[in-house]
Amino acid sequence: MSDDRVQLWADAKILYLAGVFPKYGSPAWIELPPDDPKRLAAALDAAEMWRKYGDEEALLAWFREASRSRPPLAERRTKAELDAAARPKPAHQLQATPGWPPIAVPGQPGRYLTYTEARRAA
C-alpha cells in the first residue's frame, strides 16, 4: 500500500512539474536551464525508477544475457565427454633444467632436484 502512495505522489509531482521531459542525464536534459521544472521531473522519474527496478543498466544487461542465443543441445559436449574431461590427470613429473636453480620437491622437505649430465643421459 505504501508503494502505491509513493508512486501516486511521484507521478502527480512529475505531471505537475513538467508533463513531458527528457531522460535524466541525457544531452537534452543537460541543456535545460538549471531552474527548469523538467530537470526536477526527470530526476524524480529516475529516482522512482531506481526505487522500483534498481540499476537500469544492470537490469538491461541481465535481459541481454537471459535472451542471448545458446548453442543447440546437439552441439554441446555429452555427459561422457564431460566425465572424461573431469577424470584426474597424472601428476606432472618434475625435471631439472640446465641453467636453472634446483627444484624443491613438494612434500619432501630438504629434497631438491638438480640438473646433472648423468640424469640427462638416462
Protein backbone atom coordinates (compact mmCIF):
# COMPACT_ATOMS: atom_id res chain seq x y z
CA MET A 1 0.00 0.00 0.00
CA SER A 2 2.78 2.46 0.85
CA ASP A 3 4.45 1.77 -2.53
CA ASP A 4 1.21 2.77 -4.23
CA ARG A 5 1.14 6.07 -2.36
CA VAL A 6 4.76 6.80 -3.21
CA GLN A 7 4.13 6.01 -6.87
CA LEU A 8 0.98 8.18 -6.96
CA TRP A 9 2.79 11.10 -5.30
CA ALA A 10 5.76 10.83 -7.70
CA ASP A 11 3.51 10.61 -10.77
CA ALA A 12 1.42 13.60 -9.63
CA LYS A 13 4.51 15.68 -8.88
CA ILE A 14 6.06 14.81 -12.25
CA LEU A 15 2.89 15.76 -14.12
CA TYR A 16 2.55 18.97 -12.10
CA LEU A 17 6.16 19.95 -12.77
CA ALA A 18 6.54 19.12 -16.43
CA GLY A 19 4.38 16.52 -18.13
CA VAL A 20 6.86 15.72 -20.92
CA PHE A 21 10.59 15.90 -20.17
CA PRO A 22 13.88 14.45 -21.45
CA LYS A 23 15.51 11.43 -19.82
CA TYR A 24 17.59 12.27 -16.75
CA GLY A 25 21.25 12.80 -17.66
CA SER A 26 20.62 12.87 -21.42
CA PRO A 27 22.12 15.64 -23.59
CA ALA A 28 18.68 17.25 -23.84
CA TRP A 29 18.34 17.19 -20.05
CA ILE A 30 21.81 18.73 -19.61
CA GLU A 31 20.89 21.61 -21.96
CA LEU A 32 17.86 22.61 -19.86
CA PRO A 33 18.29 25.72 -17.68
CA PRO A 34 19.09 24.87 -14.03
CA ASP A 35 15.73 26.13 -12.76
CA ASP A 36 13.62 24.36 -15.41
CA PRO A 37 10.98 22.14 -13.72
CA LYS A 38 11.65 19.48 -16.38
CA ARG A 39 15.06 18.87 -14.79
CA LEU A 40 13.47 18.08 -11.43
CA ALA A 41 10.73 15.99 -13.05
CA ALA A 42 13.33 13.88 -14.88
CA ALA A 43 15.38 13.42 -11.70
CA LEU A 44 12.26 12.42 -9.77
CA ASP A 45 11.28 9.99 -12.52
CA ALA A 46 14.78 8.44 -12.49
CA ALA A 47 14.69 8.13 -8.68
CA GLU A 48 11.30 6.45 -8.85
CA MET A 49 12.53 4.01 -11.50
CA TRP A 50 15.55 3.20 -9.29
CA ARG A 51 13.27 2.63 -6.30
CA LYS A 52 11.08 0.25 -8.28
CA TYR A 53 13.56 -1.55 -10.54
CA GLY A 54 17.09 -0.86 -9.32
CA ASP A 55 20.00 -0.14 -11.63
CA GLU A 56 18.67 0.24 -15.18
CA GLU A 57 21.94 -0.75 -16.86
CA ALA A 58 22.28 -3.88 -14.70
CA LEU A 59 18.67 -4.79 -15.47
CA LEU A 60 19.24 -4.34 -19.20
CA ALA A 61 22.44 -6.40 -19.03
CA TRP A 62 20.50 -9.17 -17.28
CA PHE A 63 17.83 -9.09 -20.01
CA ARG A 64 20.52 -9.26 -22.72
CA GLU A 65 22.21 -12.23 -21.04
CA ALA A 66 18.92 -14.03 -20.44
CA SER A 67 17.82 -13.61 -24.05
CA ARG A 68 21.10 -14.37 -25.85
CA SER A 69 21.08 -17.46 -28.02
CA ARG A 70 22.69 -20.61 -26.69
CA PRO A 71 24.32 -23.35 -28.77
CA PRO A 72 21.92 -26.15 -29.68
CA LEU A 73 21.97 -29.22 -27.43
CA ALA A 74 23.34 -31.32 -30.29
CA GLU A 75 26.47 -29.15 -30.41
CA ARG A 76 27.20 -29.31 -26.68
CA ARG A 77 29.51 -31.85 -25.08
CA THR A 78 27.99 -35.15 -24.00
CA LYS A 79 27.99 -36.44 -20.43
CA ALA A 80 30.67 -38.97 -21.40
CA GLU A 81 32.88 -36.16 -22.77
CA LEU A 82 32.39 -34.11 -19.62
CA ASP A 83 33.15 -37.14 -17.43
CA ALA A 84 36.34 -37.84 -19.42
CA ALA A 85 37.44 -34.22 -19.05
CA ALA A 86 36.84 -34.37 -15.27
CA ARG A 87 38.98 -37.51 -14.71
CA PRO A 88 42.15 -36.86 -12.69
CA LYS A 89 45.26 -36.33 -14.80
CA PRO A 90 48.62 -37.88 -13.93
CA ALA A 91 50.87 -35.74 -11.79
CA HIS A 92 53.46 -33.60 -13.54
CA GLN A 93 56.93 -35.10 -13.38
CA LEU A 94 59.48 -32.59 -12.16
CA GLN A 95 62.62 -32.31 -14.26
CA ALA A 96 65.60 -30.14 -13.53
CA THR A 97 66.73 -27.96 -16.43
CA PRO A 98 70.28 -26.82 -17.24
CA GLY A 99 70.94 -23.24 -16.18
CA TRP A 100 68.08 -23.16 -13.65
CA PRO A 101 68.36 -23.44 -9.85
CA PRO A 102 67.48 -26.70 -8.05
CA ILE A 103 63.76 -27.53 -7.69
CA ALA A 104 62.31 -28.11 -4.19
CA VAL A 105 60.32 -31.36 -4.26
CA PRO A 106 56.82 -30.76 -2.84
CA GLY A 107 56.01 -32.83 0.25
CA GLN A 108 59.64 -33.77 0.78
CA PRO A 109 61.32 -31.04 2.83
CA GLY A 110 65.02 -30.66 2.12
CA ARG A 111 64.94 -32.67 -1.12
CA TYR A 112 65.87 -30.87 -4.34
CA LEU A 113 66.18 -31.94 -7.94
CA THR A 114 69.29 -30.66 -9.67
CA TYR A 115 70.35 -31.00 -13.27
CA THR A 116 73.25 -33.31 -13.97
CA GLU A 117 74.65 -34.66 -17.24
CA ALA A 118 74.10 -38.22 -15.99
CA ARG A 119 70.39 -37.55 -15.39
CA ARG A 120 70.05 -36.15 -18.91
CA ALA A 121 71.60 -39.28 -20.47
CA ALA A 122 69.27 -41.60 -18.54
